[in-house]
């Protein structure tokens, strides 16, 4: 049975991140090249301001194609209202909330700064470790 442990033990400590004024096409290449489903978006102070998912990118490309315009910048398409976790949050509670909200990833923030990210993959690794 999975015990409650701190998220700090399973989070990615250096998640892929882009600046909010990054070009969306360049960011899509980062997502594709790194084989991730999304990236954290930060501002000039390195504070989390959103996340950009594959679905956000797909919506942007379809909108640009339909309107016959360029795709623009990350901050035009990113999800801004982001639920975050704290490194000391219990992994069980975070997993339950991510499942409830149908989220694949959750940024981890401490003192206003992005310090990591947890994804379904890290949660599955935790379950696998404690199921032995």
N, C-alpha and C. Protein backbone atom coordinates (compact mmCIF):
# COMPACT_ATOMS: atom_id res chain seq x y z
N UNK A 1 0.84 -1.20 0.00
CA UNK A 1 0.00 0.00 0.00
C UNK A 1 0.88 1.24 0.00
N UNK A 2 0.52 2.21 -0.81
CA UNK A 2 1.29 3.44 -0.92
C UNK A 2 1.10 4.27 0.34
N UNK A 3 2.22 4.63 0.91
CA UNK A 3 2.15 5.48 2.09
C UNK A 3 2.22 6.94 1.65
N UNK A 4 1.80 7.84 2.51
CA UNK A 4 1.85 9.25 2.18
C UNK A 4 3.27 9.75 2.38
N UNK A 5 3.87 10.22 1.32
CA UNK A 5 5.21 10.77 1.37
C UNK A 5 5.18 12.15 0.72
N UNK A 6 6.17 12.95 1.03
CA UNK A 6 6.24 14.29 0.47
C UNK A 6 6.44 14.25 -1.04
N UNK A 7 5.82 15.16 -1.69
CA UNK A 7 5.96 15.32 -3.13
C UNK A 7 7.41 15.58 -3.51
N UNK A 8 8.13 16.24 -2.63
CA UNK A 8 9.53 16.58 -2.85
C UNK A 8 10.35 15.36 -3.28
N UNK A 9 9.98 14.18 -2.78
CA UNK A 9 10.73 12.96 -3.07
C UNK A 9 10.48 12.42 -4.47
N UNK A 10 9.45 12.89 -5.16
CA UNK A 10 9.09 12.33 -6.46
C UNK A 10 8.96 13.36 -7.58
N UNK A 11 9.02 14.63 -7.25
CA UNK A 11 8.84 15.65 -8.28
C UNK A 11 10.08 15.77 -9.16
N UNK A 12 9.87 16.25 -10.37
CA UNK A 12 10.96 16.60 -11.27
C UNK A 12 11.48 17.95 -10.76
N UNK A 13 12.75 18.02 -10.46
CA UNK A 13 13.27 19.25 -9.86
C UNK A 13 13.69 20.31 -10.88
N UNK A 14 13.78 19.93 -12.12
CA UNK A 14 14.12 20.92 -13.15
C UNK A 14 13.19 20.72 -14.35
N UNK A 15 11.91 21.07 -14.17
CA UNK A 15 10.97 20.83 -15.26
C UNK A 15 11.28 21.71 -16.47
N UNK A 16 10.86 21.25 -17.61
CA UNK A 16 11.03 22.04 -18.82
C UNK A 16 10.14 23.27 -18.70
N UNK A 17 10.75 24.41 -18.93
CA UNK A 17 10.00 25.66 -18.79
C UNK A 17 10.36 26.61 -19.94
N UNK A 18 9.44 27.49 -20.24
CA UNK A 18 9.64 28.50 -21.27
C UNK A 18 9.14 29.83 -20.72
N UNK A 19 9.63 30.90 -21.30
CA UNK A 19 9.16 32.22 -20.91
C UNK A 19 7.83 32.51 -21.58
N UNK A 20 7.03 33.33 -20.92
CA UNK A 20 5.69 33.61 -21.42
C UNK A 20 5.68 34.31 -22.77
N UNK A 21 6.76 34.99 -23.12
CA UNK A 21 6.81 35.68 -24.41
C UNK A 21 7.53 34.85 -25.48
N UNK A 22 7.70 33.56 -25.22
CA UNK A 22 8.33 32.67 -26.21
C UNK A 22 7.40 32.45 -27.39
N UNK A 23 7.99 32.20 -28.53
CA UNK A 23 7.24 31.89 -29.74
C UNK A 23 6.57 30.52 -29.58
N UNK A 24 5.32 30.44 -29.92
CA UNK A 24 4.57 29.19 -29.73
C UNK A 24 5.14 28.04 -30.58
N UNK A 25 5.53 28.32 -31.81
CA UNK A 25 6.07 27.26 -32.66
C UNK A 25 7.38 26.71 -32.09
N UNK A 26 8.23 27.59 -31.56
CA UNK A 26 9.48 27.14 -30.92
C UNK A 26 9.17 26.28 -29.70
N UNK A 27 8.16 26.68 -28.95
CA UNK A 27 7.77 25.92 -27.76
C UNK A 27 7.18 24.57 -28.14
N UNK A 28 6.43 24.51 -29.22
CA UNK A 28 5.90 23.23 -29.68
C UNK A 28 7.04 22.28 -30.02
N UNK A 29 8.10 22.80 -30.62
CA UNK A 29 9.27 21.97 -30.93
C UNK A 29 9.91 21.45 -29.64
N UNK A 30 9.97 22.27 -28.61
CA UNK A 30 10.50 21.84 -27.30
C UNK A 30 9.66 20.70 -26.74
N UNK A 31 8.35 20.82 -26.81
CA UNK A 31 7.44 19.78 -26.32
C UNK A 31 7.65 18.48 -27.10
N UNK A 32 7.73 18.59 -28.41
CA UNK A 32 7.90 17.41 -29.26
C UNK A 32 9.26 16.76 -29.03
N UNK A 33 10.33 17.57 -29.05
CA UNK A 33 11.69 17.05 -28.90
C UNK A 33 11.93 16.38 -27.54
N UNK A 34 11.27 16.90 -26.50
CA UNK A 34 11.46 16.36 -25.15
C UNK A 34 10.43 15.29 -24.78
N UNK A 35 9.51 15.03 -25.71
CA UNK A 35 8.49 14.00 -25.50
C UNK A 35 7.73 14.19 -24.19
N UNK A 36 7.27 15.44 -23.97
CA UNK A 36 6.47 15.77 -22.80
C UNK A 36 5.11 16.25 -23.26
N UNK A 37 4.14 16.24 -22.37
CA UNK A 37 2.79 16.64 -22.74
C UNK A 37 2.52 18.11 -22.47
N UNK A 38 3.51 18.81 -21.92
CA UNK A 38 3.34 20.23 -21.66
C UNK A 38 4.54 20.79 -20.93
N UNK A 39 4.57 22.13 -20.83
CA UNK A 39 5.68 22.82 -20.17
C UNK A 39 5.15 23.85 -19.19
N UNK A 40 5.98 24.18 -18.21
CA UNK A 40 5.67 25.27 -17.29
C UNK A 40 6.05 26.58 -17.97
N UNK A 41 5.29 27.62 -17.69
CA UNK A 41 5.55 28.94 -18.28
C UNK A 41 5.90 29.90 -17.14
N UNK A 42 7.03 30.59 -17.31
CA UNK A 42 7.51 31.51 -16.28
C UNK A 42 7.62 32.92 -16.85
N UNK A 43 7.68 33.90 -15.93
CA UNK A 43 7.89 35.28 -16.36
C UNK A 43 9.36 35.65 -16.18
N UNK A 44 9.67 36.92 -16.34
CA UNK A 44 11.06 37.37 -16.25
C UNK A 44 11.65 37.18 -14.85
N UNK A 45 10.80 37.07 -13.83
CA UNK A 45 11.27 36.85 -12.45
C UNK A 45 11.35 35.36 -12.11
N UNK A 46 11.12 34.52 -13.11
CA UNK A 46 11.13 33.07 -12.97
C UNK A 46 10.00 32.54 -12.10
N UNK A 47 8.94 33.34 -11.98
CA UNK A 47 7.74 32.91 -11.26
C UNK A 47 6.81 32.22 -12.26
N UNK A 48 6.12 31.20 -11.79
CA UNK A 48 5.17 30.47 -12.62
C UNK A 48 3.99 31.37 -12.97
N UNK A 49 3.66 31.44 -14.26
CA UNK A 49 2.51 32.22 -14.69
C UNK A 49 1.50 31.39 -15.46
N UNK A 50 1.85 30.13 -15.74
CA UNK A 50 0.93 29.27 -16.46
C UNK A 50 1.57 27.96 -16.89
N UNK A 51 0.80 27.18 -17.62
CA UNK A 51 1.30 25.96 -18.25
C UNK A 51 0.79 25.94 -19.68
N UNK A 52 1.58 25.32 -20.54
CA UNK A 52 1.18 25.17 -21.93
C UNK A 52 1.19 23.69 -22.24
N UNK A 53 0.03 23.17 -22.63
CA UNK A 53 -0.10 21.74 -22.92
C UNK A 53 -0.12 21.49 -24.42
N UNK A 54 0.00 20.23 -24.77
CA UNK A 54 -0.16 19.84 -26.17
C UNK A 54 -1.52 20.28 -26.69
N UNK A 55 -2.54 20.16 -25.88
CA UNK A 55 -3.89 20.54 -26.29
C UNK A 55 -3.98 22.05 -26.53
N UNK A 56 -3.31 22.85 -25.68
CA UNK A 56 -3.27 24.30 -25.91
C UNK A 56 -2.63 24.60 -27.26
N UNK A 57 -1.54 23.89 -27.56
CA UNK A 57 -0.83 24.09 -28.83
C UNK A 57 -1.71 23.70 -30.01
N UNK A 58 -2.39 22.58 -29.88
CA UNK A 58 -3.26 22.13 -30.96
C UNK A 58 -4.38 23.15 -31.22
N UNK A 59 -4.96 23.67 -30.16
CA UNK A 59 -6.00 24.68 -30.30
C UNK A 59 -5.45 25.93 -30.99
N UNK A 60 -4.23 26.31 -30.63
CA UNK A 60 -3.61 27.50 -31.23
C UNK A 60 -3.38 27.31 -32.72
N UNK A 61 -2.86 26.15 -33.10
CA UNK A 61 -2.58 25.87 -34.50
C UNK A 61 -3.87 25.85 -35.32
N UNK A 62 -4.90 25.21 -34.80
CA UNK A 62 -6.18 25.16 -35.52
C UNK A 62 -6.79 26.55 -35.66
N UNK A 63 -6.71 27.35 -34.60
CA UNK A 63 -7.24 28.71 -34.64
C UNK A 63 -6.48 29.55 -35.66
N UNK A 64 -5.15 29.44 -35.66
CA UNK A 64 -4.32 30.20 -36.60
C UNK A 64 -4.62 29.77 -38.03
N UNK A 65 -4.78 28.48 -38.24
CA UNK A 65 -5.08 27.97 -39.58
C UNK A 65 -6.45 28.46 -40.05
N UNK A 66 -7.42 28.39 -39.18
CA UNK A 66 -8.78 28.81 -39.52
C UNK A 66 -8.83 30.30 -39.86
N UNK A 67 -8.09 31.10 -39.07
CA UNK A 67 -8.09 32.55 -39.25
C UNK A 67 -7.01 33.04 -40.22
N UNK A 68 -6.20 32.09 -40.72
CA UNK A 68 -5.12 32.40 -41.65
C UNK A 68 -4.17 33.47 -41.09
N UNK A 69 -3.73 33.24 -39.85
CA UNK A 69 -2.78 34.14 -39.17
C UNK A 69 -1.68 33.30 -38.54
N UNK A 70 -0.62 33.97 -38.05
CA UNK A 70 0.45 33.27 -37.34
C UNK A 70 -0.03 32.80 -35.98
N UNK A 71 0.71 31.87 -35.39
CA UNK A 71 0.27 31.33 -34.11
C UNK A 71 0.59 32.22 -32.92
N UNK A 72 1.62 33.04 -32.97
CA UNK A 72 1.86 33.99 -31.90
C UNK A 72 2.72 33.46 -30.77
N UNK A 73 2.44 33.97 -29.57
CA UNK A 73 3.27 33.72 -28.39
C UNK A 73 2.59 32.76 -27.40
N UNK A 74 3.39 32.19 -26.55
CA UNK A 74 2.92 31.24 -25.54
C UNK A 74 1.84 31.86 -24.66
N UNK A 75 2.04 33.11 -24.22
CA UNK A 75 1.09 33.72 -23.27
C UNK A 75 -0.30 33.95 -23.85
N UNK A 76 -0.43 33.80 -25.16
CA UNK A 76 -1.74 33.94 -25.79
C UNK A 76 -2.58 32.67 -25.66
N UNK A 77 -1.93 31.54 -25.40
CA UNK A 77 -2.61 30.25 -25.41
C UNK A 77 -2.45 29.42 -24.15
N UNK A 78 -1.54 29.81 -23.28
CA UNK A 78 -1.27 29.03 -22.07
C UNK A 78 -2.47 29.05 -21.13
N UNK A 79 -2.53 28.06 -20.29
CA UNK A 79 -3.53 28.02 -19.21
C UNK A 79 -2.97 28.84 -18.07
N UNK A 80 -3.71 29.87 -17.66
CA UNK A 80 -3.20 30.81 -16.65
C UNK A 80 -3.62 30.45 -15.23
N UNK A 81 -4.82 29.95 -15.06
CA UNK A 81 -5.29 29.59 -13.72
C UNK A 81 -4.82 28.18 -13.41
N UNK A 82 -3.64 28.09 -12.81
CA UNK A 82 -3.00 26.80 -12.60
C UNK A 82 -3.05 26.41 -11.13
N UNK A 83 -3.49 25.20 -10.88
CA UNK A 83 -3.44 24.65 -9.53
C UNK A 83 -2.00 24.19 -9.32
N UNK A 84 -1.41 24.59 -8.20
CA UNK A 84 -0.03 24.21 -7.92
C UNK A 84 0.04 23.38 -6.64
N UNK A 85 1.17 22.74 -6.47
CA UNK A 85 1.43 21.97 -5.25
C UNK A 85 2.64 22.58 -4.55
N UNK A 86 2.83 22.18 -3.30
CA UNK A 86 3.98 22.58 -2.50
C UNK A 86 4.83 21.33 -2.29
N UNK A 87 6.14 21.47 -2.19
CA UNK A 87 7.00 20.29 -2.05
C UNK A 87 6.66 19.38 -0.86
N UNK A 88 6.09 19.94 0.18
CA UNK A 88 5.77 19.12 1.34
C UNK A 88 4.36 18.53 1.30
N UNK A 89 3.61 18.79 0.23
CA UNK A 89 2.28 18.18 0.10
C UNK A 89 2.41 16.66 0.01
N UNK A 90 1.45 15.97 0.56
CA UNK A 90 1.44 14.52 0.49
C UNK A 90 1.12 14.04 -0.91
N UNK A 91 1.86 13.06 -1.35
CA UNK A 91 1.72 12.57 -2.73
C UNK A 91 0.32 11.97 -2.98
N UNK A 92 -0.27 11.37 -1.97
CA UNK A 92 -1.61 10.79 -2.11
C UNK A 92 -2.64 11.89 -2.38
N UNK A 93 -2.58 12.96 -1.60
CA UNK A 93 -3.53 14.06 -1.78
C UNK A 93 -3.37 14.72 -3.14
N UNK A 94 -2.13 14.91 -3.56
CA UNK A 94 -1.89 15.51 -4.87
C UNK A 94 -2.42 14.59 -5.98
N UNK A 95 -2.14 13.30 -5.87
CA UNK A 95 -2.60 12.33 -6.88
C UNK A 95 -4.13 12.33 -6.96
N UNK A 96 -4.80 12.33 -5.82
CA UNK A 96 -6.26 12.32 -5.81
C UNK A 96 -6.82 13.58 -6.47
N UNK A 97 -6.21 14.73 -6.16
CA UNK A 97 -6.69 15.98 -6.72
C UNK A 97 -6.42 16.07 -8.22
N UNK A 98 -5.26 15.57 -8.65
CA UNK A 98 -4.96 15.56 -10.08
C UNK A 98 -5.94 14.67 -10.83
N UNK A 99 -6.27 13.53 -10.26
CA UNK A 99 -7.23 12.62 -10.87
C UNK A 99 -8.61 13.28 -10.95
N UNK A 100 -9.03 13.90 -9.87
CA UNK A 100 -10.32 14.59 -9.81
C UNK A 100 -10.41 15.69 -10.87
N UNK A 101 -9.31 16.42 -11.06
CA UNK A 101 -9.30 17.55 -12.00
C UNK A 101 -8.82 17.15 -13.39
N UNK A 102 -8.56 15.86 -13.57
CA UNK A 102 -8.11 15.32 -14.87
C UNK A 102 -6.86 16.04 -15.38
N UNK A 103 -5.88 16.19 -14.48
CA UNK A 103 -4.62 16.85 -14.82
C UNK A 103 -3.51 15.82 -14.98
N UNK A 104 -2.67 16.03 -15.97
CA UNK A 104 -1.54 15.13 -16.22
C UNK A 104 -0.28 15.59 -15.49
N UNK A 105 -0.24 16.86 -15.13
CA UNK A 105 0.94 17.40 -14.46
C UNK A 105 0.52 18.49 -13.50
N UNK A 106 1.37 18.75 -12.52
CA UNK A 106 1.12 19.84 -11.58
C UNK A 106 2.44 20.50 -11.22
N UNK A 107 2.54 21.81 -11.47
CA UNK A 107 3.75 22.52 -11.07
C UNK A 107 3.87 22.54 -9.54
N UNK A 108 5.09 22.55 -9.07
CA UNK A 108 5.37 22.62 -7.63
C UNK A 108 6.04 23.96 -7.37
N UNK A 109 5.44 24.74 -6.47
CA UNK A 109 5.89 26.10 -6.21
C UNK A 109 6.20 26.25 -4.72
N UNK A 110 7.29 26.96 -4.45
CA UNK A 110 7.69 27.25 -3.07
C UNK A 110 8.16 28.70 -3.02
N UNK A 111 7.61 29.45 -2.09
CA UNK A 111 7.94 30.88 -1.95
C UNK A 111 7.76 31.63 -3.27
N UNK A 112 6.71 31.30 -3.99
CA UNK A 112 6.40 31.98 -5.23
C UNK A 112 7.23 31.57 -6.44
N UNK A 113 8.16 30.66 -6.26
CA UNK A 113 9.04 30.25 -7.35
C UNK A 113 8.77 28.81 -7.76
N UNK A 114 8.86 28.55 -9.05
CA UNK A 114 8.73 27.20 -9.57
C UNK A 114 9.94 26.39 -9.13
N UNK A 115 9.70 25.30 -8.39
CA UNK A 115 10.80 24.46 -7.91
C UNK A 115 10.72 23.04 -8.48
N UNK A 116 9.63 22.73 -9.16
CA UNK A 116 9.51 21.39 -9.70
C UNK A 116 8.17 21.17 -10.36
N UNK A 117 7.95 19.93 -10.71
CA UNK A 117 6.69 19.52 -11.32
C UNK A 117 6.50 18.04 -11.04
N UNK A 118 5.26 17.65 -10.86
CA UNK A 118 4.96 16.24 -10.72
C UNK A 118 3.99 15.87 -11.84
N UNK A 119 4.21 14.71 -12.40
CA UNK A 119 3.33 14.24 -13.47
C UNK A 119 2.78 12.88 -13.08
N UNK A 120 1.87 12.40 -13.89
CA UNK A 120 1.33 11.06 -13.66
C UNK A 120 2.45 10.03 -13.63
N UNK A 121 3.47 10.23 -14.43
CA UNK A 121 4.58 9.28 -14.49
C UNK A 121 5.29 9.18 -13.14
N UNK A 122 5.54 10.30 -12.48
CA UNK A 122 6.19 10.27 -11.16
C UNK A 122 5.28 9.61 -10.13
N UNK A 123 4.00 9.85 -10.24
CA UNK A 123 3.05 9.24 -9.31
C UNK A 123 3.02 7.73 -9.49
N UNK A 124 3.06 7.29 -10.75
CA UNK A 124 3.10 5.85 -11.00
C UNK A 124 4.40 5.23 -10.49
N UNK A 125 5.50 5.95 -10.60
CA UNK A 125 6.77 5.45 -10.07
C UNK A 125 6.69 5.28 -8.56
N UNK A 126 6.03 6.22 -7.88
CA UNK A 126 5.86 6.11 -6.43
C UNK A 126 5.02 4.90 -6.06
N UNK A 127 3.94 4.70 -6.78
CA UNK A 127 3.09 3.54 -6.53
C UNK A 127 3.86 2.25 -6.76
N UNK A 128 4.62 2.22 -7.83
CA UNK A 128 5.41 1.03 -8.15
C UNK A 128 6.42 0.72 -7.05
N UNK A 129 7.06 1.74 -6.53
CA UNK A 129 8.07 1.56 -5.48
C UNK A 129 7.45 0.98 -4.21
N UNK A 130 6.31 1.51 -3.82
CA UNK A 130 5.71 1.09 -2.56
C UNK A 130 4.80 -0.14 -2.68
N UNK A 131 4.60 -0.61 -3.89
CA UNK A 131 3.76 -1.79 -4.09
C UNK A 131 4.56 -3.09 -4.03
N UNK A 132 5.86 -2.99 -3.91
CA UNK A 132 6.73 -4.18 -3.90
C UNK A 132 6.75 -4.85 -2.56
